[in-house]
Amino acid sequence: MRKRTTRAFSAPDGKRIRPNKGLNFPDTDLDVVPLTARDRKDLDFVACHADMIGYSFVQSTEDIALLQEELAQRIAADQPQPAVVLKIET
């Protein structure tokens, strides 16, 4: 995935935007894969040892279904599912 760089020099009212501030782009789909190859590898360990999973860059129900499918492949039927905390991107 190629990295996109956007620079903002000032807000519409002329005030400067401070470094490390988040920006909101309504009605914009982020071109971010919710589960990377590294995430999938890490799930092998996490599914067996974690009580809770934090899931960032969630944009759709499909993203949630993807994590649930990946967990189902790694968790035995008698093993409890870890809780999932979603960080929903706006």
PDB file of N, CA and C in Angstrom:
ATOM      1  N   MET A   1       0.846  -1.159   0.000  1.00  0.00           N
ATOM      2  CA  MET A   1       0.000   0.000   0.000  1.00  0.00           C
ATOM      3  C   MET A   1       0.897   1.228   0.000  1.00  0.00           C
ATOM      4  N   ARG A   2       0.642   2.149  -0.889  1.00  0.00           N
ATOM      5  CA  ARG A   2       1.468   3.346  -0.935  1.00  0.00           C
ATOM      6  C   ARG A   2       0.951   4.368   0.071  1.00  0.00           C
ATOM      7  N   LYS A   3       1.874   5.122   0.590  1.00  0.00           N
ATOM      8  CA  LYS A   3       1.550   6.110   1.611  1.00  0.00           C
ATOM      9  C   LYS A   3       1.169   7.419   0.942  1.00  0.00           C
ATOM     10  N   ARG A   4       0.059   7.976   1.385  1.00  0.00           N
ATOM     11  CA  ARG A   4      -0.374   9.275   0.876  1.00  0.00           C
ATOM     12  C   ARG A   4      -0.022  10.335   1.897  1.00  0.00           C
ATOM     13  N   THR A   5       0.485  11.434   1.438  1.00  0.00           N
ATOM     14  CA  THR A   5       0.848  12.521   2.335  1.00  0.00           C
ATOM     15  C   THR A   5       0.021  13.743   1.975  1.00  0.00           C
ATOM     16  N   THR A   6      -0.648  14.289   2.963  1.00  0.00           N
ATOM     17  CA  THR A   6      -1.427  15.498   2.785  1.00  0.00           C
ATOM     18  C   THR A   6      -0.922  16.514   3.781  1.00  0.00           C
ATOM     19  N   ARG A   7      -0.725  17.740   3.354  1.00  0.00           N
ATOM     20  CA  ARG A   7      -0.272  18.783   4.259  1.00  0.00           C
ATOM     21  C   ARG A   7      -1.328  19.868   4.356  1.00  0.00           C
ATOM     22  N   ALA A   8      -1.577  20.272   5.568  1.00  0.00           N
ATOM     23  CA  ALA A   8      -2.497  21.380   5.815  1.00  0.00           C
ATOM     24  C   ALA A   8      -1.697  22.497   6.470  1.00  0.00           C
ATOM     25  N   PHE A   9      -1.709  23.655   5.879  1.00  0.00           N
ATOM     26  CA  PHE A   9      -0.913  24.759   6.401  1.00  0.00           C
ATOM     27  C   PHE A   9      -1.721  25.666   7.311  1.00  0.00           C
ATOM     28  N   SER A  10      -3.011  25.803   7.048  1.00  0.00           N
ATOM     29  CA  SER A  10      -3.845  26.604   7.941  1.00  0.00           C
ATOM     30  C   SER A  10      -5.307  26.211   7.757  1.00  0.00           C
ATOM     31  N   ALA A  11      -6.083  26.474   8.796  1.00  0.00           N
ATOM     32  CA  ALA A  11      -7.515  26.206   8.755  1.00  0.00           C
ATOM     33  C   ALA A  11      -8.193  27.283   7.916  1.00  0.00           C
ATOM     34  N   PRO A  12      -9.453  27.054   7.498  1.00  0.00           N
ATOM     35  CA  PRO A  12     -10.138  28.045   6.664  1.00  0.00           C
ATOM     36  C   PRO A  12     -10.224  29.435   7.298  1.00  0.00           C
ATOM     37  N   ASP A  13     -10.235  29.511   8.628  1.00  0.00           N
ATOM     38  CA  ASP A  13     -10.318  30.819   9.275  1.00  0.00           C
ATOM     39  C   ASP A  13      -8.946  31.475   9.427  1.00  0.00           C
ATOM     40  N   GLY A  14      -7.894  30.831   8.874  1.00  0.00           N
ATOM     41  CA  GLY A  14      -6.569  31.415   8.902  1.00  0.00           C
ATOM     42  C   GLY A  14      -5.720  30.971  10.077  1.00  0.00           C
ATOM     43  N   LYS A  15      -6.302  30.272  11.044  1.00  0.00           N
ATOM     44  CA  LYS A  15      -5.530  29.796  12.187  1.00  0.00           C
ATOM     45  C   LYS A  15      -4.715  28.590  11.773  1.00  0.00           C
ATOM     46  N   ARG A  16      -3.545  28.471  12.368  1.00  0.00           N
ATOM     47  CA  ARG A  16      -2.686  27.330  12.064  1.00  0.00           C
ATOM     48  C   ARG A  16      -3.168  26.078  12.782  1.00  0.00           C
ATOM     49  N   ILE A  17      -3.062  24.951  12.104  1.00  0.00           N
ATOM     50  CA  ILE A  17      -3.388  23.660  12.694  1.00  0.00           C
ATOM     51  C   ILE A  17      -2.132  23.162  13.398  1.00  0.00           C
ATOM     52  N   ARG A  18      -2.270  22.824  14.667  1.00  0.00           N
ATOM     53  CA  ARG A  18      -1.119  22.356  15.434  1.00  0.00           C
ATOM     54  C   ARG A  18      -0.707  20.959  14.970  1.00  0.00           C
ATOM     55  N   PRO A  19       0.581  20.631  15.122  1.00  0.00           N
ATOM     56  CA  PRO A  19       1.066  19.299  14.732  1.00  0.00           C
ATOM     57  C   PRO A  19       0.360  18.204  15.521  1.00  0.00           C
ATOM     58  N   ASN A  20       0.283  17.032  14.921  1.00  0.00           N
ATOM     59  CA  ASN A  20      -0.271  15.822  15.540  1.00  0.00           C
ATOM     60  C   ASN A  20      -1.741  15.936  15.904  1.00  0.00           C
ATOM     61  N   LYS A  21      -2.485  16.721  15.192  1.00  0.00           N
ATOM     62  CA  LYS A  21      -3.924  16.832  15.412  1.00  0.00           C
ATOM     63  C   LYS A  21      -4.637  15.965  14.378  1.00  0.00           C
ATOM     64  N   GLY A  22      -5.739  15.355  14.801  1.00  0.00           N
ATOM     65  CA  GLY A  22      -6.528  14.543  13.884  1.00  0.00           C
ATOM     66  C   GLY A  22      -7.404  15.418  13.005  1.00  0.00           C
ATOM     67  N   LEU A  23      -7.684  14.934  11.821  1.00  0.00           N
ATOM     68  CA  LEU A  23      -8.564  15.635  10.895  1.00  0.00           C
ATOM     69  C   LEU A  23      -9.722  14.716  10.549  1.00  0.00           C
ATOM     70  N   ASN A  24     -10.877  15.283  10.325  1.00  0.00           N
ATOM     71  CA  ASN A  24     -12.067  14.530   9.972  1.00  0.00           C
ATOM     72  C   ASN A  24     -12.410  14.819   8.523  1.00  0.00           C
ATOM     73  N   PHE A  25     -12.575  13.768   7.728  1.00  0.00           N
ATOM     74  CA  PHE A  25     -12.954  13.887   6.327  1.00  0.00           C
ATOM     75  C   PHE A  25     -14.269  13.139   6.126  1.00  0.00           C
ATOM     76  N   PRO A  26     -15.408  13.782   6.399  1.00  0.00           N
ATOM     77  CA  PRO A  26     -16.707  13.102   6.264  1.00  0.00           C
ATOM     78  C   PRO A  26     -16.912  12.558   4.856  1.00  0.00           C
ATOM     79  N   ASP A  27     -17.628  11.453   4.784  1.00  0.00           N
ATOM     80  CA  ASP A  27     -17.973  10.814   3.508  1.00  0.00           C
ATOM     81  C   ASP A  27     -16.749  10.384   2.708  1.00  0.00           C
ATOM     82  N   THR A  28     -15.641  10.097   3.403  1.00  0.00           N
ATOM     83  CA  THR A  28     -14.428   9.648   2.740  1.00  0.00           C
ATOM     84  C   THR A  28     -14.093   8.249   3.226  1.00  0.00           C
ATOM     85  N   ASP A  29     -13.949   7.316   2.299  1.00  0.00           N
ATOM     86  CA  ASP A  29     -13.525   5.970   2.660  1.00  0.00           C
ATOM     87  C   ASP A  29     -12.013   5.979   2.834  1.00  0.00           C
ATOM     88  N   LEU A  30     -11.552   5.539   3.994  1.00  0.00           N
ATOM     89  CA  LEU A  30     -10.120   5.430   4.219  1.00  0.00           C
ATOM     90  C   LEU A  30      -9.615   4.195   3.488  1.00  0.00           C
ATOM     91  N   ASP A  31      -8.532   4.346   2.777  1.00  0.00           N
ATOM     92  CA  ASP A  31      -7.948   3.225   2.040  1.00  0.00           C
ATOM     93  C   ASP A  31      -7.005   2.479   2.975  1.00  0.00           C
ATOM     94  N   VAL A  32      -7.593   1.876   4.035  1.00  0.00           N
ATOM     95  CA  VAL A  32      -6.822   1.199   5.063  1.00  0.00           C
ATOM     96  C   VAL A  32      -7.370  -0.214   5.238  1.00  0.00           C
ATOM     97  N   VAL A  33      -6.493  -1.181   5.192  1.00  0.00           N
ATOM     98  CA  VAL A  33      -6.884  -2.563   5.413  1.00  0.00           C
ATOM     99  C   VAL A  33      -6.995  -2.774   6.922  1.00  0.00           C
ATOM    100  N   PRO A  34      -8.146  -3.239   7.432  1.00  0.00           N
ATOM    101  CA  PRO A  34      -8.302  -3.358   8.877  1.00  0.00           C
ATOM    102  C   PRO A  34      -7.454  -4.466   9.504  1.00  0.00           C
ATOM    103  N   LEU A  35      -7.155  -5.512   8.764  1.00  0.00           N
ATOM    104  CA  LEU A  35      -6.303  -6.600   9.260  1.00  0.00           C
ATOM    105  C   LEU A  35      -5.152  -6.814   8.292  1.00  0.00           C
ATOM    106  N   THR A  36      -3.961  -6.469   8.729  1.00  0.00           N
ATOM    107  CA  THR A  36      -2.781  -6.671   7.897  1.00  0.00           C
ATOM    108  C   THR A  36      -2.289  -8.106   8.031  1.00  0.00           C
ATOM    109  N   ALA A  37      -1.323  -8.478   7.229  1.00  0.00           N
ATOM    110  CA  ALA A  37      -0.727  -9.813   7.331  1.00  0.00           C
ATOM    111  C   ALA A  37      -0.108 -10.001   8.715  1.00  0.00           C
ATOM    112  N   ARG A  38       0.493  -8.966   9.238  1.00  0.00           N
ATOM    113  CA  ARG A  38       1.079  -9.045  10.598  1.00  0.00           C
ATOM    114  C   ARG A  38      -0.018  -9.249  11.638  1.00  0.00           C
ATOM    115  N   ASP A  39      -1.151  -8.535  11.483  1.00  0.00           N
ATOM    116  CA  ASP A  39      -2.273  -8.708  12.416  1.00  0.00           C
ATOM    117  C   ASP A  39      -2.743 -10.156  12.425  1.00  0.00           C
ATOM    118  N   ARG A  40      -2.879 -10.727  11.254  1.00  0.00           N
ATOM    119  CA  ARG A  40      -3.340 -12.118  11.154  1.00  0.00           C
ATOM    120  C   ARG A  40      -2.357 -13.074  11.837  1.00  0.00           C
ATOM    121  N   LYS A  41      -1.081 -12.815  11.665  1.00  0.00           N
ATOM    122  CA  LYS A  41      -0.062 -13.642  12.328  1.00  0.00           C
ATOM    123  C   LYS A  41      -0.171 -13.479  13.839  1.00  0.00           C
ATOM    124  N   ASP A  42      -0.314 -12.249  14.302  1.00  0.00           N
ATOM    125  CA  ASP A  42      -0.434 -11.980  15.736  1.00  0.00           C
ATOM    126  C   ASP A  42      -1.693 -12.599  16.336  1.00  0.00           C
ATOM    127  N   LEU A  43      -2.749 -12.711  15.533  1.00  0.00           N
ATOM    128  CA  LEU A  43      -3.995 -13.315  16.025  1.00  0.00           C
ATOM    129  C   LEU A  43      -3.804 -14.768  16.458  1.00  0.00           C
ATOM    130  N   ASP A  44      -2.826 -15.455  15.883  1.00  0.00           N
ATOM    131  CA  ASP A  44      -2.556 -16.830  16.293  1.00  0.00           C
ATOM    132  C   ASP A  44      -2.268 -16.884  17.789  1.00  0.00           C
ATOM    133  N   PHE A  45      -1.486 -15.948  18.289  1.00  0.00           N
ATOM    134  CA  PHE A  45      -1.166 -15.889  19.712  1.00  0.00           C
ATOM    135  C   PHE A  45      -2.304 -15.244  20.505  1.00  0.00           C
ATOM    136  N   VAL A  46      -2.798 -14.126  20.012  1.00  0.00           N
ATOM    137  CA  VAL A  46      -3.815 -13.351  20.724  1.00  0.00           C
ATOM    138  C   VAL A  46      -5.080 -14.174  20.968  1.00  0.00           C
ATOM    139  N   ALA A  47      -5.522 -14.913  19.982  1.00  0.00           N
ATOM    140  CA  ALA A  47      -6.762 -15.690  20.112  1.00  0.00           C
ATOM    141  C   ALA A  47      -6.684 -16.700  21.245  1.00  0.00           C
ATOM    142  N   CYS A  48      -5.501 -17.190  21.542  1.00  0.00           N
ATOM    143  CA  CYS A  48      -5.337 -18.194  22.596  1.00  0.00           C
ATOM    144  C   CYS A  48      -5.046 -17.593  23.971  1.00  0.00           C
ATOM    145  N   HIS A  49      -4.570 -16.346  24.018  1.00  0.00           N
ATOM    146  CA  HIS A  49      -4.073 -15.808  25.281  1.00  0.00           C
ATOM    147  C   HIS A  49      -4.733 -14.515  25.757  1.00  0.00           C
ATOM    148  N   ALA A  50      -5.445 -13.818  24.899  1.00  0.00           N
ATOM    149  CA  ALA A  50      -5.994 -12.512  25.280  1.00  0.00           C
ATOM    150  C   ALA A  50      -7.447 -12.620  25.722  1.00  0.00           C
ATOM    151  N   ASP A  51      -7.828 -11.746  26.639  1.00  0.00           N
ATOM    152  CA  ASP A  51      -9.224 -11.631  27.066  1.00  0.00           C
ATOM    153  C   ASP A  51      -9.969 -10.608  26.219  1.00  0.00           C
ATOM    154  N   MET A  52      -9.197  -9.692  25.610  1.00  0.00           N
ATOM    155  CA  MET A  52      -9.805  -8.601  24.865  1.00  0.00           C
ATOM    156  C   MET A  52      -8.897  -8.212  23.697  1.00  0.00           C
ATOM    157  N   ILE A  53      -9.514  -7.804  22.595  1.00  0.00           N
ATOM    158  CA  ILE A  53      -8.782  -7.373  21.408  1.00  0.00           C
ATOM    159  C   ILE A  53      -9.237  -5.963  21.044  1.00  0.00           C
ATOM    160  N   GLY A  54      -8.287  -5.054  20.833  1.00  0.00           N
ATOM    161  CA  GLY A  54      -8.592  -3.719  20.314  1.00  0.00           C
ATOM    162  C   GLY A  54      -8.493  -3.750  18.801  1.00  0.00           C
ATOM    163  N   TYR A  55      -9.491  -3.228  18.122  1.00  0.00           N
ATOM    164  CA  TYR A  55      -9.563  -3.323  16.649  1.00  0.00           C
ATOM    165  C   TYR A  55      -9.716  -1.919  16.086  1.00  0.00           C
ATOM    166  N   SER A  56      -8.652  -1.395  15.481  1.00  0.00           N
ATOM    167  CA  SER A  56      -8.649  -0.031  14.949  1.00  0.00           C
ATOM    168  C   SER A  56      -8.999   0.009  13.471  1.00  0.00           C
ATOM    169  N   PHE A  57      -9.359   1.180  13.022  1.00  0.00           N
ATOM    170  CA  PHE A  57      -9.680   1.474  11.622  1.00  0.00           C
ATOM    171  C   PHE A  57     -10.886   0.690  11.116  1.00  0.00           C
ATOM    172  N   VAL A  58     -11.849   0.475  11.993  1.00  0.00           N
ATOM    173  CA  VAL A  58     -13.084  -0.200  11.618  1.00  0.00           C
ATOM    174  C   VAL A  58     -13.984   0.807  10.909  1.00  0.00           C
ATOM    175  N   GLN A  59     -14.386   0.473   9.692  1.00  0.00           N
ATOM    176  CA  GLN A  59     -15.240   1.369   8.919  1.00  0.00           C
ATOM    177  C   GLN A  59     -16.576   0.752   8.550  1.00  0.00           C
ATOM    178  N   SER A  60     -16.686  -0.575   8.635  1.00  0.00           N
ATOM    179  CA  SER A  60     -17.912  -1.218   8.159  1.00  0.00           C
ATOM    180  C   SER A  60     -18.163  -2.516   8.912  1.00  0.00           C
ATOM    181  N   THR A  61     -19.367  -3.035   8.736  1.00  0.00           N
ATOM    182  CA  THR A  61     -19.693  -4.333   9.332  1.00  0.00           C
ATOM    183  C   THR A  61     -18.844  -5.441   8.706  1.00  0.00           C
ATOM    184  N   GLU A  62     -18.420  -5.252   7.466  1.00  0.00           N
ATOM    185  CA  GLU A  62     -17.555  -6.239   6.819  1.00  0.00           C
ATOM    186  C   GLU A  62     -16.215  -6.349   7.540  1.00  0.00           C
ATOM    187  N   ASP A  63     -15.711  -5.222   8.055  1.00  0.00           N
ATOM    188  CA  ASP A  63     -14.460  -5.244   8.807  1.00  0.00           C
ATOM    189  C   ASP A  63     -14.611  -6.078  10.077  1.00  0.00           C
ATOM    190  N   ILE A  64     -15.757  -5.951  10.737  1.00  0.00           N
ATOM    191  CA  ILE A  64     -16.025  -6.719  11.953  1.00  0.00           C
ATOM    192  C   ILE A  64     -16.162  -8.203  11.610  1.00  0.00           C
ATOM    193  N   ALA A  65     -16.886  -8.503  10.552  1.00  0.00           N
ATOM    194  CA  ALA A  65     -17.057  -9.891  10.120  1.00  0.00           C
ATOM    195  C   ALA A  65     -15.706 -10.524   9.783  1.00  0.00           C
ATOM    196  N   LEU A  66     -14.817  -9.761   9.187  1.00  0.00           N
ATOM    197  CA  LEU A  66     -13.486 -10.269   8.851  1.00  0.00           C
ATOM    198  C   LEU A  66     -12.745 -10.704  10.111  1.00  0.00           C
ATOM    199  N   LEU A  67     -12.754  -9.876  11.152  1.00  0.00           N
ATOM    200  CA  LEU A  67     -12.093 -10.246  12.405  1.00  0.00           C
ATOM    201  C   LEU A  67     -12.755 -11.471  13.030  1.00  0.00           C
ATOM    202  N   GLN A  68     -14.072 -11.496  13.028  1.00  0.00           N
ATOM    203  CA  GLN A  68     -14.783 -12.640  13.607  1.00  0.00           C
ATOM    204  C   GLN A  68     -14.436 -13.939  12.881  1.00  0.00           C
ATOM    205  N   GLU A  69     -14.338 -13.896  11.564  1.00  0.00           N
ATOM    206  CA  GLU A  69     -13.967 -15.079  10.785  1.00  0.00           C
ATOM    207  C   GLU A  69     -12.548 -15.530  11.112  1.00  0.00           C
ATOM    208  N   GLU A  70     -11.642 -14.570  11.209  1.00  0.00           N
ATOM    209  CA  GLU A  70     -10.251 -14.905  11.528  1.00  0.00           C
ATOM    210  C   GLU A  70     -10.154 -15.515  12.925  1.00  0.00           C
ATOM    211  N   LEU A  71     -10.903 -14.977  13.880  1.00  0.00           N
ATOM    212  CA  LEU A  71     -10.895 -15.534  15.232  1.00  0.00           C
ATOM    213  C   LEU A  71     -11.494 -16.936  15.256  1.00  0.00           C
ATOM    214  N   ALA A  72     -12.582 -17.131  14.530  1.00  0.00           N
ATOM    215  CA  ALA A  72     -13.252 -18.434  14.506  1.00  0.00           C
ATOM    216  C   ALA A  72     -12.313 -19.529  13.992  1.00  0.00           C
ATOM    217  N   GLN A  73     -11.420 -19.181  13.083  1.00  0.00           N
ATOM    218  CA  GLN A  73     -10.462 -20.158  12.549  1.00  0.00           C
ATOM    219  C   GLN A  73      -9.403 -20.539  13.578  1.00  0.00           C
ATOM    220  N   ARG A  74      -9.254 -19.704  14.616  1.00  0.00           N
ATOM    221  CA  ARG A  74      -8.165 -19.901  15.573  1.00  0.00           C
ATOM    222  C   ARG A  74      -8.617 -20.339  16.966  1.00  0.00           C
ATOM    223  N   ILE A  75      -9.904 -20.299  17.234  1.00  0.00           N
ATOM    224  CA  ILE A  75     -10.402 -20.583  18.574  1.00  0.00           C
ATOM    225  C   ILE A  75     -11.188 -21.888  18.566  1.00  0.00           C
ATOM    226  N   ALA A  76     -10.855 -22.770  19.520  1.00  0.00           N
ATOM    227  CA  ALA A  76     -11.574 -24.038  19.655  1.00  0.00           C
ATOM    228  C   ALA A  76     -12.997 -23.782  20.114  1.00  0.00           C
ATOM    229  N   ALA A  77     -13.887 -24.691  19.797  1.00  0.00           N
ATOM    230  CA  ALA A  77     -15.312 -24.537  20.116  1.00  0.00           C
ATOM    231  C   ALA A  77     -15.557 -24.363  21.611  1.00  0.00           C
ATOM    232  N   ASP A  78     -14.746 -25.000  22.456  1.00  0.00           N
ATOM    233  CA  ASP A  78     -14.949 -24.905  23.901  1.00  0.00           C
ATOM    234  C   ASP A  78     -14.186 -23.738  24.540  1.00  0.00           C
ATOM    235  N   GLN A  79     -13.486 -22.982  23.737  1.00  0.00           N
ATOM    236  CA  GLN A  79     -12.701 -21.846  24.233  1.00  0.00           C
ATOM    237  C   GLN A  79     -13.540 -20.567  24.183  1.00  0.00           C
ATOM    238  N   PRO A  80     -13.488 -19.724  25.227  1.00  0.00           N
ATOM    239  CA  PRO A  80     -14.264 -18.484  25.186  1.00  0.00           C
ATOM    240  C   PRO A  80     -13.688 -17.491  24.168  1.00  0.00           C
ATOM    241  N   GLN A  81     -14.581 -16.769  23.528  1.00  0.00           N
ATOM    242  CA  GLN A  81     -14.173 -15.727  22.569  1.00  0.00           C
ATOM    243  C   GLN A  81     -13.664 -14.515  23.333  1.00  0.00           C
ATOM    244  N   PRO A  82     -12.570 -13.895  22.903  1.00  0.00           N
ATOM    245  CA  PRO A  82     -12.146 -12.651  23.552  1.00  0.00           C
ATOM    246  C   PRO A  82     -13.119 -11.521  23.197  1.00  0.00           C
ATOM    247  N   ALA A  83     -13.261 -10.573  24.106  1.00  0.00           N
ATOM    248  CA  ALA A  83     -14.062  -9.386  23.829  1.00  0.00           C
ATOM    249  C   ALA A  83     -13.341  -8.558  22.755  1.00  0.00           C
ATOM    250  N   VAL A  84     -14.107  -7.800  21.997  1.00  0.00           N
ATOM    251  CA  VAL A  84     -13.530  -6.952  20.959  1.00  0.00           C
ATOM    252  C   VAL A  84     -13.950  -5.514  21.216  1.00  0.00           C
ATOM    253  N   VAL A  85     -12.960  -4.614  21.242  1.00  0.00           N
ATOM    254  CA  VAL A  85     -13.214  -3.184  21.387  1.00  0.00           C
ATOM    255  C   VAL A  85     -12.941  -2.553  20.023  1.00  0.00           C
ATOM    256  N   LEU A  86     -13.958  -1.916  19.460  1.00  0.00           N
ATOM    257  CA  LEU A  86     -13.833  -1.323  18.131  1.00  0.00           C
ATOM    258  C   LEU A  86     -13.463   0.144  18.226  1.00  0.00           C
ATOM    259  N   LYS A  87     -12.479   0.538  17.431  1.00  0.00           N
ATOM    260  CA  LYS A  87     -12.166   1.951  17.274  1.00  0.00           C
ATOM    261  C   LYS A  87     -12.707   2.336  15.897  1.00  0.00           C
ATOM    262  N   ILE A  88     -13.873   2.950  15.915  1.00  0.00           N
ATOM    263  CA  ILE A  88     -14.555   3.271  14.663  1.00  0.00           C
ATOM    264  C   ILE A  88     -14.030   4.595  14.148  1.00  0.00           C
ATOM    265  N   GLU A  89     -13.491   4.577  12.952  1.00  0.00           N
ATOM    266  CA  GLU A  89     -12.915   5.780  12.350  1.00  0.00           C
ATOM    267  C   GLU A  89     -14.010   6.632  11.708  1.00  0.00           C
ATOM    268  N   THR A  90     -13.896   7.908  11.918  1.00  0.00           N
ATOM    269  CA  THR A  90     -14.892   8.823  11.343  1.00  0.00           C
ATOM    270  C   THR A  90     -14.299   9.591  10.193  1.00  0.00           C
TER     271      THR A  90
END
